[in-house]
C-alpha atoms as a PDB file:
ATOM      1  CA  UNK A   1      10.510  -3.949 -24.811  1.00  0.00           C
ATOM      2  CA  UNK A   2       8.770  -2.375 -21.810  1.00  0.00           C
ATOM      3  CA  UNK A   3       5.620  -1.775 -23.848  1.00  0.00           C
ATOM      4  CA  UNK A   4       5.564  -5.447 -24.899  1.00  0.00           C
ATOM      5  CA  UNK A   5       5.921  -6.529 -21.267  1.00  0.00           C
ATOM      6  CA  UNK A   6       3.063  -4.271 -20.212  1.00  0.00           C
ATOM      7  CA  UNK A   7       0.879  -5.679 -22.992  1.00  0.00           C
ATOM      8  CA  UNK A   8       1.615  -9.238 -21.860  1.00  0.00           C
ATOM      9  CA  UNK A   9       0.674  -8.393 -18.277  1.00  0.00           C
ATOM     10  CA  UNK A  10      -2.578  -6.754 -19.377  1.00  0.00           C
ATOM     11  CA  UNK A  11      -3.453  -9.721 -21.631  1.00  0.00           C
ATOM     12  CA  UNK A  12      -2.731 -12.155 -18.774  1.00  0.00           C
ATOM     13  CA  UNK A  13      -5.030 -10.259 -16.389  1.00  0.00           C
ATOM     14  CA  UNK A  14      -7.782 -10.012 -19.013  1.00  0.00           C
ATOM     15  CA  UNK A  15      -7.551 -13.753 -19.775  1.00  0.00           C
ATOM     16  CA  UNK A  16      -7.910 -14.474 -16.057  1.00  0.00           C
ATOM     17  CA  UNK A  17     -11.058 -12.357 -15.831  1.00  0.00           C
ATOM     18  CA  UNK A  18     -12.515 -14.010 -18.944  1.00  0.00           C
ATOM     19  CA  UNK A  19     -12.978 -17.122 -16.821  1.00  0.00           C
ATOM     20  CA  UNK A  20     -14.381 -15.186 -13.884  1.00  0.00           C
ATOM     21  CA  UNK A  21     -17.596 -16.170 -12.134  1.00  0.00           C
ATOM     22  CA  UNK A  22     -18.241 -12.893 -10.341  1.00  0.00           C
ATOM     23  CA  UNK A  23     -20.604 -12.426  -7.416  1.00  0.00           C
ATOM     24  CA  UNK A  24     -24.232 -12.490  -8.567  1.00  0.00           C
ATOM     25  CA  UNK A  25     -27.199 -11.087  -6.699  1.00  0.00           C
ATOM     26  CA  UNK A  26     -30.118 -13.296  -5.703  1.00  0.00           C
ATOM     27  CA  UNK A  27     -33.431 -12.520  -7.430  1.00  0.00           C
ATOM     28  CA  UNK A  28     -36.870 -13.772  -6.437  1.00  0.00           C
ATOM     29  CA  UNK A  29     -39.505 -15.175  -8.771  1.00  0.00           C
ATOM     30  CA  UNK A  30     -40.656 -11.631  -9.583  1.00  0.00           C
ATOM     31  CA  UNK A  31     -37.089 -10.744 -10.644  1.00  0.00           C
ATOM     32  CA  UNK A  32     -36.574  -8.496  -7.620  1.00  0.00           C
ATOM     33  CA  UNK A  33     -33.366  -8.415  -5.589  1.00  0.00           C
ATOM     34  CA  UNK A  34     -33.746 -10.472  -2.402  1.00  0.00           C
ATOM     35  CA  UNK A  35     -32.655  -8.668   0.760  1.00  0.00           C
ATOM     36  CA  UNK A  36     -32.339  -9.846   4.312  1.00  0.00           C
ATOM     37  CA  UNK A  37     -35.036  -7.836   6.167  1.00  0.00           C
ATOM     38  CA  UNK A  38     -32.951  -7.760   9.361  1.00  0.00           C
ATOM     39  CA  UNK A  39     -29.614  -6.672   7.899  1.00  0.00           C
ATOM     40  CA  UNK A  40     -30.774  -5.004   4.645  1.00  0.00           C
ATOM     41  CA  UNK A  41     -28.063  -6.992   2.861  1.00  0.00           C
ATOM     42  CA  UNK A  42     -28.606  -8.022  -0.765  1.00  0.00           C
ATOM     43  CA  UNK A  43     -28.167 -11.791  -0.809  1.00  0.00           C
ATOM     44  CA  UNK A  44     -25.686 -13.497  -3.112  1.00  0.00           C
ATOM     45  CA  UNK A  45     -27.078 -15.832  -5.768  1.00  0.00           C
ATOM     46  CA  UNK A  46     -23.991 -17.936  -6.519  1.00  0.00           C
ATOM     47  CA  UNK A  47     -23.041 -18.845  -2.942  1.00  0.00           C
ATOM     48  CA  UNK A  48     -20.234 -21.342  -2.341  1.00  0.00           C
ATOM     49  CA  UNK A  49     -21.837 -23.162   0.588  1.00  0.00           C
ATOM     50  CA  UNK A  50     -25.129 -23.501   2.417  1.00  0.00           C
ATOM     51  CA  UNK A  51     -26.284 -20.832   4.913  1.00  0.00           C
ATOM     52  CA  UNK A  52     -27.008 -21.976   8.475  1.00  0.00           C
ATOM     53  CA  UNK A  53     -29.461 -19.302   9.582  1.00  0.00           C
ATOM     54  CA  UNK A  54     -33.060 -20.535   9.211  1.00  0.00           C
ATOM     55  CA  UNK A  55     -34.436 -17.161   8.048  1.00  0.00           C
ATOM     56  CA  UNK A  56     -31.717 -16.924   5.409  1.00  0.00           C
ATOM     57  CA  UNK A  57     -32.439 -20.467   4.263  1.00  0.00           C
ATOM     58  CA  UNK A  58     -36.107 -19.581   3.883  1.00  0.00           C
ATOM     59  CA  UNK A  59     -35.236 -16.527   1.736  1.00  0.00           C
ATOM     60  CA  UNK A  60     -33.159 -18.686  -0.596  1.00  0.00           C
ATOM     61  CA  UNK A  61     -35.797 -21.421  -0.765  1.00  0.00           C
ATOM     62  CA  UNK A  62     -38.557 -18.899  -1.536  1.00  0.00           C
ATOM     63  CA  UNK A  63     -36.382 -17.543  -4.353  1.00  0.00           C
ATOM     64  CA  UNK A  64     -36.298 -21.023  -5.888  1.00  0.00           C
ATOM     65  CA  UNK A  65     -32.782 -22.026  -4.796  1.00  0.00           C
ATOM     66  CA  UNK A  66     -32.216 -25.706  -4.042  1.00  0.00           C
ATOM     67  CA  UNK A  67     -29.921 -25.508  -1.003  1.00  0.00           C
ATOM     68  CA  UNK A  68     -29.471 -29.279  -0.929  1.00  0.00           C
ATOM     69  CA  UNK A  69     -26.986 -29.058  -3.790  1.00  0.00           C
ATOM     70  CA  UNK A  70     -24.653 -26.969  -1.601  1.00  0.00           C
ATOM     71  CA  UNK A  71     -22.416 -28.402   1.108  1.00  0.00           C
ATOM     72  CA  UNK A  72     -22.339 -27.004   4.626  1.00  0.00           C
ATOM     73  CA  UNK A  73     -19.744 -24.258   4.990  1.00  0.00           C
ATOM     74  CA  UNK A  74     -17.632 -26.228   7.479  1.00  0.00           C
ATOM     75  CA  UNK A  75     -17.332 -29.015   4.864  1.00  0.00           C
ATOM     76  CA  UNK A  76     -16.408 -26.723   1.976  1.00  0.00           C
ATOM     77  CA  UNK A  77     -13.107 -27.353   0.149  1.00  0.00           C
ATOM     78  CA  UNK A  78     -11.508 -25.776  -2.948  1.00  0.00           C
ATOM     79  CA  UNK A  79     -12.636 -28.863  -4.893  1.00  0.00           C
ATOM     80  CA  UNK A  80     -16.303 -28.412  -3.982  1.00  0.00           C
ATOM     81  CA  UNK A  81     -18.641 -27.642  -6.890  1.00  0.00           C
ATOM     82  CA  UNK A  82     -18.845 -28.396 -10.569  1.00  0.00           C
ATOM     83  CA  UNK A  83     -17.138 -26.848 -13.567  1.00  0.00           C
ATOM     84  CA  UNK A  84     -15.465 -23.648 -12.431  1.00  0.00           C
ATOM     85  CA  UNK A  85     -13.487 -21.080 -14.319  1.00  0.00           C
ATOM     86  CA  UNK A  86      -9.829 -20.296 -13.792  1.00  0.00           C
ATOM     87  CA  UNK A  87     -10.756 -17.371 -11.552  1.00  0.00           C
ATOM     88  CA  UNK A  88     -12.729 -19.406  -9.026  1.00  0.00           C
ATOM     89  CA  UNK A  89     -10.359 -22.364  -9.065  1.00  0.00           C
ATOM     90  CA  UNK A  90      -7.144 -20.391  -8.506  1.00  0.00           C
ATOM     91  CA  UNK A  91      -8.302 -17.430  -6.432  1.00  0.00           C
ATOM     92  CA  UNK A  92     -11.831 -17.429  -4.996  1.00  0.00           C
ATOM     93  CA  UNK A  93     -12.321 -20.962  -3.688  1.00  0.00           C
ATOM     94  CA  UNK A  94      -8.882 -21.350  -2.060  1.00  0.00           C
ATOM     95  CA  UNK A  95      -9.332 -17.998  -0.301  1.00  0.00           C
ATOM     96  CA  UNK A  96     -12.850 -18.920   0.833  1.00  0.00           C
ATOM     97  CA  UNK A  97     -11.564 -22.253   2.172  1.00  0.00           C
ATOM     98  CA  UNK A  98      -8.732 -20.589   4.125  1.00  0.00           C
ATOM     99  CA  UNK A  99     -11.143 -18.060   5.691  1.00  0.00           C
ATOM    100  CA  UNK A 100     -13.519 -20.867   6.756  1.00  0.00           C
ATOM    101  CA  UNK A 101     -10.628 -23.019   8.009  1.00  0.00           C
ATOM    102  CA  UNK A 102      -9.138 -20.229  10.149  1.00  0.00           C
ATOM    103  CA  UNK A 103     -12.582 -19.262  11.493  1.00  0.00           C
ATOM    104  CA  UNK A 104     -12.946 -22.777  12.952  1.00  0.00           C
ATOM    105  CA  UNK A 105      -9.838 -22.210  15.092  1.00  0.00           C
ATOM    106  CA  UNK A 106     -10.589 -18.643  16.246  1.00  0.00           C
ATOM    107  CA  UNK A 107     -14.361 -19.196  16.380  1.00  0.00           C
ATOM    108  CA  UNK A 108     -14.990 -15.928  14.550  1.00  0.00           C
ATOM    109  CA  UNK A 109     -15.325 -15.120  10.858  1.00  0.00           C
ATOM    110  CA  UNK A 110     -14.342 -11.491  11.508  1.00  0.00           C
ATOM    111  CA  UNK A 111     -11.085 -12.491  13.185  1.00  0.00           C
ATOM    112  CA  UNK A 112     -10.505 -15.017  10.413  1.00  0.00           C
ATOM    113  CA  UNK A 113     -10.872 -12.270   7.789  1.00  0.00           C
ATOM    114  CA  UNK A 114      -8.380 -10.068   9.657  1.00  0.00           C
ATOM    115  CA  UNK A 115      -5.884 -12.921  10.127  1.00  0.00           C
ATOM    116  CA  UNK A 116      -6.106 -14.125   6.520  1.00  0.00           C
ATOM    117  CA  UNK A 117      -5.804 -10.537   5.250  1.00  0.00           C
ATOM    118  CA  UNK A 118      -2.612 -10.032   7.248  1.00  0.00           C
ATOM    119  CA  UNK A 119      -1.225 -13.443   6.226  1.00  0.00           C
ATOM    120  CA  UNK A 120      -1.779 -12.715   2.539  1.00  0.00           C
ATOM    121  CA  UNK A 121      -0.238  -9.273   2.871  1.00  0.00           C
ATOM    122  CA  UNK A 122       2.769 -10.818   4.652  1.00  0.00           C
ATOM    123  CA  UNK A 123       3.188 -13.404   1.883  1.00  0.00           C
ATOM    124  CA  UNK A 124       2.951 -10.648  -0.731  1.00  0.00           C
ATOM    125  CA  UNK A 125       5.212  -8.337   1.290  1.00  0.00           C
ATOM    126  CA  UNK A 126       8.328  -8.831  -0.886  1.00  0.00           C
ATOM    127  CA  UNK A 127       6.270  -7.731  -3.893  1.00  0.00           C
ATOM    128  CA  UNK A 128       4.389  -4.846  -2.287  1.00  0.00           C
ATOM    129  CA  UNK A 129       7.569  -3.678  -0.554  1.00  0.00           C
ATOM    130  CA  UNK A 130       9.246  -3.155  -3.929  1.00  0.00           C
ATOM    131  CA  UNK A 131       6.277  -1.046  -5.033  1.00  0.00           C
ATOM    132  CA  UNK A 132       6.508   1.027  -1.840  1.00  0.00           C
ATOM    133  CA  UNK A 133      10.252   1.473  -2.336  1.00  0.00           C
ATOM    134  CA  UNK A 134       9.657   2.675  -5.886  1.00  0.00           C
ATOM    135  CA  UNK A 135       7.159   5.203  -4.549  1.00  0.00           C
ATOM    136  CA  UNK A 136       9.784   6.557  -2.140  1.00  0.00           C
ATOM    137  CA  UNK A 137      12.393   6.762  -4.923  1.00  0.00           C
ATOM    138  CA  UNK A 138       9.960   8.707  -7.119  1.00  0.00           C
ATOM    139  CA  UNK A 139       9.391  11.156  -4.254  1.00  0.00           C
ATOM    140  CA  UNK A 140      13.148  11.657  -4.049  1.00  0.00           C
ATOM    141  CA  UNK A 141      13.394  12.258  -7.798  1.00  0.00           C
ATOM    142  CA  UNK A 142      10.265  14.414  -7.979  1.00  0.00           C
ATOM    143  CA  UNK A 143      12.012  17.823  -7.865  1.00  0.00           C
ATOM    144  CA  UNK A 144      14.117  16.903 -10.910  1.00  0.00           C
ATOM    145  CA  UNK A 145      11.084  15.465 -12.695  1.00  0.00           C
ATOM    146  CA  UNK A 146       9.169  18.696 -11.998  1.00  0.00           C
ATOM    147  CA  UNK A 147      12.073  20.717 -13.346  1.00  0.00           C
ATOM    148  CA  UNK A 148      12.080  18.564 -16.480  1.00  0.00           C
ATOM    149  CA  UNK A 149       8.354  19.125 -16.983  1.00  0.00           C
ATOM    150  CA  UNK A 150       8.839  22.888 -16.738  1.00  0.00           C
ATOM    151  CA  UNK A 151      11.777  22.760 -19.141  1.00  0.00           C
ATOM    152  CA  UNK A 152       9.746  21.074 -21.872  1.00  0.00           C
ATOM    153  CA  UNK A 153       6.395  22.734 -21.167  1.00  0.00           C
ATOM    154  CA  UNK A 154       4.526  23.556 -24.396  1.00  0.00           C
ATOM    155  CA  UNK A 155       7.228  21.858 -26.507  1.00  0.00           C
ATOM    156  CA  UNK A 156       5.456  19.232 -28.596  1.00  0.00           C
ATOM    157  CA  UNK A 157       7.857  18.795 -31.513  1.00  0.00           C
ATOM    158  CA  UNK A 158       9.390  15.387 -32.089  1.00  0.00           C
ATOM    159  CA  UNK A 159      12.918  16.446 -31.146  1.00  0.00           C
ATOM    160  CA  UNK A 160      11.811  17.919 -27.801  1.00  0.00           C
ATOM    161  CA  UNK A 161       9.740  14.830 -26.999  1.00  0.00           C
ATOM    162  CA  UNK A 162      12.757  12.587 -27.664  1.00  0.00           C
ATOM    163  CA  UNK A 163      15.088  14.751 -25.551  1.00  0.00           C
ATOM    164  CA  UNK A 164      12.587  14.846 -22.707  1.00  0.00           C
ATOM    165  CA  UNK A 165      12.262  11.064 -22.827  1.00  0.00           C
ATOM    166  CA  UNK A 166      16.050  10.639 -22.769  1.00  0.00           C
ATOM    167  CA  UNK A 167      16.498  13.029 -19.838  1.00  0.00           C
ATOM    168  CA  UNK A 168      13.676  11.333 -17.924  1.00  0.00           C
ATOM    169  CA  UNK A 169      15.354   7.965 -18.488  1.00  0.00           C
ATOM    170  CA  UNK A 170      18.587   9.393 -17.084  1.00  0.00           C
ATOM    171  CA  UNK A 171      16.755  10.625 -13.964  1.00  0.00           C
ATOM    172  CA  UNK A 172      15.141   7.217 -13.488  1.00  0.00           C
ATOM    173  CA  UNK A 173      18.543   5.567 -13.886  1.00  0.00           C
ATOM    174  CA  UNK A 174      20.123   7.996 -11.396  1.00  0.00           C
ATOM    175  CA  UNK A 175      17.587   7.129  -8.696  1.00  0.00           C
ATOM    176  CA  UNK A 176      17.285   3.444  -9.674  1.00  0.00           C
ATOM    177  CA  UNK A 177      13.596   3.821 -10.589  1.00  0.00           C
ATOM    178  CA  UNK A 178      11.866   1.152 -12.631  1.00  0.00           C
ATOM    179  CA  UNK A 179       8.401   2.461 -13.670  1.00  0.00           C
ATOM    180  CA  UNK A 180       7.334  -1.030 -14.720  1.00  0.00           C
ATOM    181  CA  UNK A 181       7.817  -2.369 -11.185  1.00  0.00           C
ATOM    182  CA  UNK A 182       4.876  -0.420  -9.781  1.00  0.00           C
ATOM    183  CA  UNK A 183       2.603  -1.491 -12.632  1.00  0.00           C
ATOM    184  CA  UNK A 184       3.683  -5.124 -12.439  1.00  0.00           C
ATOM    185  CA  UNK A 185       2.953  -5.572  -8.746  1.00  0.00           C
ATOM    186  CA  UNK A 186      -0.263  -3.556  -8.993  1.00  0.00           C
ATOM    187  CA  UNK A 187      -1.511  -6.059 -11.580  1.00  0.00           C
ATOM    188  CA  UNK A 188      -0.502  -8.944  -9.323  1.00  0.00           C
ATOM    189  CA  UNK A 189      -2.350  -7.499  -6.322  1.00  0.00           C
ATOM    190  CA  UNK A 190      -5.495  -6.497  -8.209  1.00  0.00           C
ATOM    191  CA  UNK A 191      -6.874 -10.025  -8.872  1.00  0.00           C
ATOM    192  CA  UNK A 192      -6.097 -10.981  -5.276  1.00  0.00           C
ATOM    193  CA  UNK A 193      -8.004  -7.966  -3.965  1.00  0.00           C
ATOM    194  CA  UNK A 194     -11.152  -8.741  -5.993  1.00  0.00           C
ATOM    195  CA  UNK A 195     -10.907 -12.452  -5.188  1.00  0.00           C
ATOM    196  CA  UNK A 196     -10.878 -11.665  -1.468  1.00  0.00           C
ATOM    197  CA  UNK A 197     -13.972  -9.477  -1.766  1.00  0.00           C
ATOM    198  CA  UNK A 198     -15.749 -12.144  -3.799  1.00  0.00           C
ATOM    199  CA  UNK A 199     -14.798 -14.932  -1.384  1.00  0.00           C
ATOM    200  CA  UNK A 200     -16.318 -12.940   1.499  1.00  0.00           C
ATOM    201  CA  UNK A 201     -19.463 -12.113  -0.482  1.00  0.00           C
ATOM    202  CA  UNK A 202     -20.083 -15.737  -1.436  1.00  0.00           C
ATOM    203  CA  UNK A 203     -19.796 -17.249   2.051  1.00  0.00           C
ATOM    204  CA  UNK A 204     -23.232 -16.733   3.672  1.00  0.00           C
ATOM    205  CA  UNK A 205     -22.025 -17.994   7.059  1.00  0.00           C
ATOM    206  CA  UNK A 206     -19.830 -14.884   7.442  1.00  0.00           C
ATOM    207  CA  UNK A 207     -22.803 -12.545   7.305  1.00  0.00           C
ATOM    208  CA  UNK A 208     -24.653 -14.497   9.985  1.00  0.00           C
ATOM    209  CA  UNK A 209     -22.186 -13.612  12.754  1.00  0.00           C
ATOM    210  CA  UNK A 210     -21.751 -10.704  15.164  1.00  0.00           C
ATOM    211  CA  UNK A 211     -18.451  -9.003  15.964  1.00  0.00           C
ATOM    212  CA  UNK A 212     -17.887  -6.264  18.561  1.00  0.00           C
ATOM    213  CA  UNK A 213     -21.653  -5.614  18.764  1.00  0.00           C
ATOM    214  CA  UNK A 214     -21.862  -5.320  14.959  1.00  0.00           C
ATOM    215  CA  UNK A 215     -23.734  -7.744  12.705  1.00  0.00           C
ATOM    216  CA  UNK A 216     -21.383  -8.807   9.898  1.00  0.00           C
ATOM    217  CA  UNK A 217     -24.029  -8.629   7.162  1.00  0.00           C
ATOM    218  CA  UNK A 218     -25.431  -5.264   8.226  1.00  0.00           C
ATOM    219  CA  UNK A 219     -24.155  -2.153   6.480  1.00  0.00           C
ATOM    220  CA  UNK A 220     -23.320   0.893   8.663  1.00  0.00           C
ATOM    221  CA  UNK A 221     -26.169   2.952   7.198  1.00  0.00           C
ATOM    222  CA  UNK A 222     -28.727   0.428   8.385  1.00  0.00           C
ATOM    223  CA  UNK A 223     -26.894  -0.087  11.682  1.00  0.00           C
ATOM    224  CA  UNK A 224     -26.711   3.628  12.510  1.00  0.00           C
ATOM    225  CA  UNK A 225     -30.041   4.958  11.263  1.00  0.00           C
ATOM    226  CA  UNK A 226     -32.320   1.931  11.620  1.00  0.00           C
ATOM    227  CA  UNK A 227     -30.836   0.011  14.537  1.00  0.00           C
ATOM    228  CA  UNK A 228     -29.530   3.118  16.362  1.00  0.00           C
ATOM    229  CA  UNK A 229     -26.208   1.323  16.932  1.00  0.00           C
ATOM    230  CA  UNK A 230     -23.497   3.989  16.697  1.00  0.00           C
ATOM    231  CA  UNK A 231     -20.621   1.514  16.896  1.00  0.00           C
ATOM    232  CA  UNK A 232     -21.027   1.224  13.118  1.00  0.00           C
ATOM    233  CA  UNK A 233     -20.064   4.910  12.905  1.00  0.00           C
ATOM    234  CA  UNK A 234     -16.717   4.055  14.517  1.00  0.00           C
ATOM    235  CA  UNK A 235     -16.154   1.488  11.762  1.00  0.00           C
ATOM    236  CA  UNK A 236     -16.861   4.113   9.081  1.00  0.00           C
ATOM    237  CA  UNK A 237     -14.406   6.522  10.760  1.00  0.00           C
ATOM    238  CA  UNK A 238     -11.737   3.791  10.863  1.00  0.00           C
ATOM    239  CA  UNK A 239     -12.319   2.961   7.184  1.00  0.00           C
ATOM    240  CA  UNK A 240     -12.132   6.622   6.167  1.00  0.00           C
ATOM    241  CA  UNK A 241      -9.101   7.451   8.301  1.00  0.00           C
ATOM    242  CA  UNK A 242      -7.056   4.396   7.310  1.00  0.00           C
ATOM    243  CA  UNK A 243      -7.943   4.906   3.635  1.00  0.00           C
ATOM    244  CA  UNK A 244      -6.852   8.537   3.678  1.00  0.00           C
ATOM    245  CA  UNK A 245      -3.611   7.891   5.590  1.00  0.00           C
ATOM    246  CA  UNK A 246      -2.605   4.863   3.504  1.00  0.00           C
ATOM    247  CA  UNK A 247      -3.256   6.742   0.252  1.00  0.00           C
ATOM    248  CA  UNK A 248      -1.453   9.838   1.551  1.00  0.00           C
ATOM    249  CA  UNK A 249       1.571   7.764   2.516  1.00  0.00           C
ATOM    250  CA  UNK A 250       1.570   6.118  -0.924  1.00  0.00           C
ATOM    251  CA  UNK A 251       1.408   9.464  -2.697  1.00  0.00           C
ATOM    252  CA  UNK A 252       4.444  10.163  -4.854  1.00  0.00           C
ATOM    253  CA  UNK A 253       4.004  13.898  -4.414  1.00  0.00           C
ATOM    254  CA  UNK A 254       7.007  15.496  -2.758  1.00  0.00           C
ATOM    255  CA  UNK A 255       6.127  19.164  -2.816  1.00  0.00           C
ATOM    256  CA  UNK A 256       3.339  21.099  -1.179  1.00  0.00           C
ATOM    257  CA  UNK A 257       2.518  22.773  -4.470  1.00  0.00           C
ATOM    258  CA  UNK A 258       1.341  19.563  -6.062  1.00  0.00           C
ATOM    259  CA  UNK A 259      -2.287  19.956  -5.074  1.00  0.00           C
ATOM    260  CA  UNK A 260      -3.790  17.636  -7.750  1.00  0.00           C
ATOM    261  CA  UNK A 261      -2.406  14.536  -6.025  1.00  0.00           C
ATOM    262  CA  UNK A 262      -3.534  15.776  -2.615  1.00  0.00           C
ATOM    263  CA  UNK A 263      -6.974  16.566  -3.999  1.00  0.00           C
ATOM    264  CA  UNK A 264      -7.217  13.124  -5.613  1.00  0.00           C
ATOM    265  CA  UNK A 265      -6.382  11.471  -2.282  1.00  0.00           C
ATOM    266  CA  UNK A 266      -9.106  13.488  -0.562  1.00  0.00           C
ATOM    267  CA  UNK A 267     -11.683  12.773  -3.283  1.00  0.00           C
ATOM    268  CA  UNK A 268     -10.950   9.029  -3.266  1.00  0.00           C
ATOM    269  CA  UNK A 269     -11.116   8.925   0.533  1.00  0.00           C
ATOM    270  CA  UNK A 270     -14.510  10.666   0.530  1.00  0.00           C
ATOM    271  CA  UNK A 271     -15.771   8.193  -2.098  1.00  0.00           C
ATOM    272  CA  UNK A 272     -14.637   5.220   0.019  1.00  0.00           C
ATOM    273  CA  UNK A 273     -16.296   6.711   3.117  1.00  0.00           C
ATOM    274  CA  UNK A 274     -19.596   7.091   1.246  1.00  0.00           C
ATOM    275  CA  UNK A 275     -19.296   3.527  -0.101  1.00  0.00           C
ATOM    276  CA  UNK A 276     -18.484   2.187   3.376  1.00  0.00           C
ATOM    277  CA  UNK A 277     -21.936   3.206   4.623  1.00  0.00           C
ATOM    278  CA  UNK A 278     -23.483   0.698   2.211  1.00  0.00           C
ATOM    279  CA  UNK A 279     -21.004  -2.202   2.288  1.00  0.00           C
ATOM    280  CA  UNK A 280     -21.500  -5.109   4.722  1.00  0.00           C
ATOM    281  CA  UNK A 281     -19.532  -4.826   7.959  1.00  0.00           C
ATOM    282  CA  UNK A 282     -17.453  -7.878   6.978  1.00  0.00           C
ATOM    283  CA  UNK A 283     -16.081  -6.057   3.924  1.00  0.00           C
ATOM    284  CA  UNK A 284     -15.420  -2.957   6.026  1.00  0.00           C
ATOM    285  CA  UNK A 285     -13.338  -5.032   8.457  1.00  0.00           C
ATOM    286  CA  UNK A 286     -11.337  -6.489   5.584  1.00  0.00           C
ATOM    287  CA  UNK A 287     -10.754  -3.041   4.062  1.00  0.00           C
ATOM    288  CA  UNK A 288      -9.591  -1.568   7.389  1.00  0.00           C
ATOM    289  CA  UNK A 289      -7.202  -4.458   8.112  1.00  0.00           C
ATOM    290  CA  UNK A 290      -5.670  -4.161   4.640  1.00  0.00           C
ATOM    291  CA  UNK A 291      -5.218  -0.395   5.020  1.00  0.00           C
ATOM    292  CA  UNK A 292      -3.583  -0.736   8.439  1.00  0.00           C
ATOM    293  CA  UNK A 293      -1.073  -3.234   7.043  1.00  0.00           C
ATOM    294  CA  UNK A 294      -0.298  -0.850   4.159  1.00  0.00           C
ATOM    295  CA  UNK A 295       0.333   1.980   6.631  1.00  0.00           C
ATOM    296  CA  UNK A 296       2.676  -0.163   8.747  1.00  0.00           C
ATOM    297  CA  UNK A 297       4.524  -1.275   5.621  1.00  0.00           C
ATOM    298  CA  UNK A 298       5.020   2.315   4.483  1.00  0.00           C
ATOM    299  CA  UNK A 299       6.307   3.331   7.930  1.00  0.00           C
ATOM    300  CA  UNK A 300       8.856   0.484   7.756  1.00  0.00           C
ATOM    301  CA  UNK A 301       9.940   1.570   4.260  1.00  0.00           C
ATOM    302  CA  UNK A 302      10.315   5.218   5.332  1.00  0.00           C
ATOM    303  CA  UNK A 303      12.353   4.274   8.387  1.00  0.00           C
ATOM    304  CA  UNK A 304      14.578   2.009   6.343  1.00  0.00           C
ATOM    305  CA  UNK A 305      15.075   4.857   3.862  1.00  0.00           C
ATOM    306  CA  UNK A 306      16.175   7.166   6.704  1.00  0.00           C
ATOM    307  CA  UNK A 307      18.556   4.580   8.146  1.00  0.00           C
ATOM    308  CA  UNK A 308      20.093   3.889   4.741  1.00  0.00           C
ATOM    309  CA  UNK A 309      20.349   7.591   3.956  1.00  0.00           C
END
């Protein structure tokens, strides 16, 4: 029954992505990727609305893009455009519209990204909270699960496999663990995560702004080594630190001897730090805000676990 449910979830996600219009890079007439010479950002080909910066407009025009067919970003709505797939209609365009709408009130795309990120995480809190609770329950059950693994180590016969499965089910039942819960809510969050990144990438107006002395379209590598602006280094540190702490807090490892999980957290954090040097500042701000919310959520879950015994 559980396997059938998992298959249905996977099929649903795959069907959603079949109709996806993912972010496409802009190429010039010589089939070379077009980059903004000031920010070193690769421009997006399938933008949702018209850029306002004159230099950016010129780059698009020189690449053969007819900007007249796009509306101005402050006039964009989820209904703007032609035939769109399920992905754009349900996820990308509504998110892009909300970001633009909020930015009009706070007069900052960066603040709008932070606010919308937190709002979405708050709306999804009942779902993500269940996942976090499951993680805490698994930590509590981990010693017994480790003992079970040692008991059936190197036993691959059918009878041992069945007994191990039965005993594991009993442990899950004892601690009220539902393995499917974590998978289910991970699949729900995944499309939302990619839709948010795509919505940011496809709104050129976001990358035209400055925030806390950082240009939103500039990646930290360019900002640090070309512009000599070391505030971008602070952003990288924030991204790396919040990524590591949020992943560490989500780890289901309960014993110090379980180094593989700790090593995986470190490796993933290093990968994100390296990637953060080359992602636009706007995406870095989104990533940091999302991580900070995850950390706060995990602190709340841990405290509630202590209070409830």
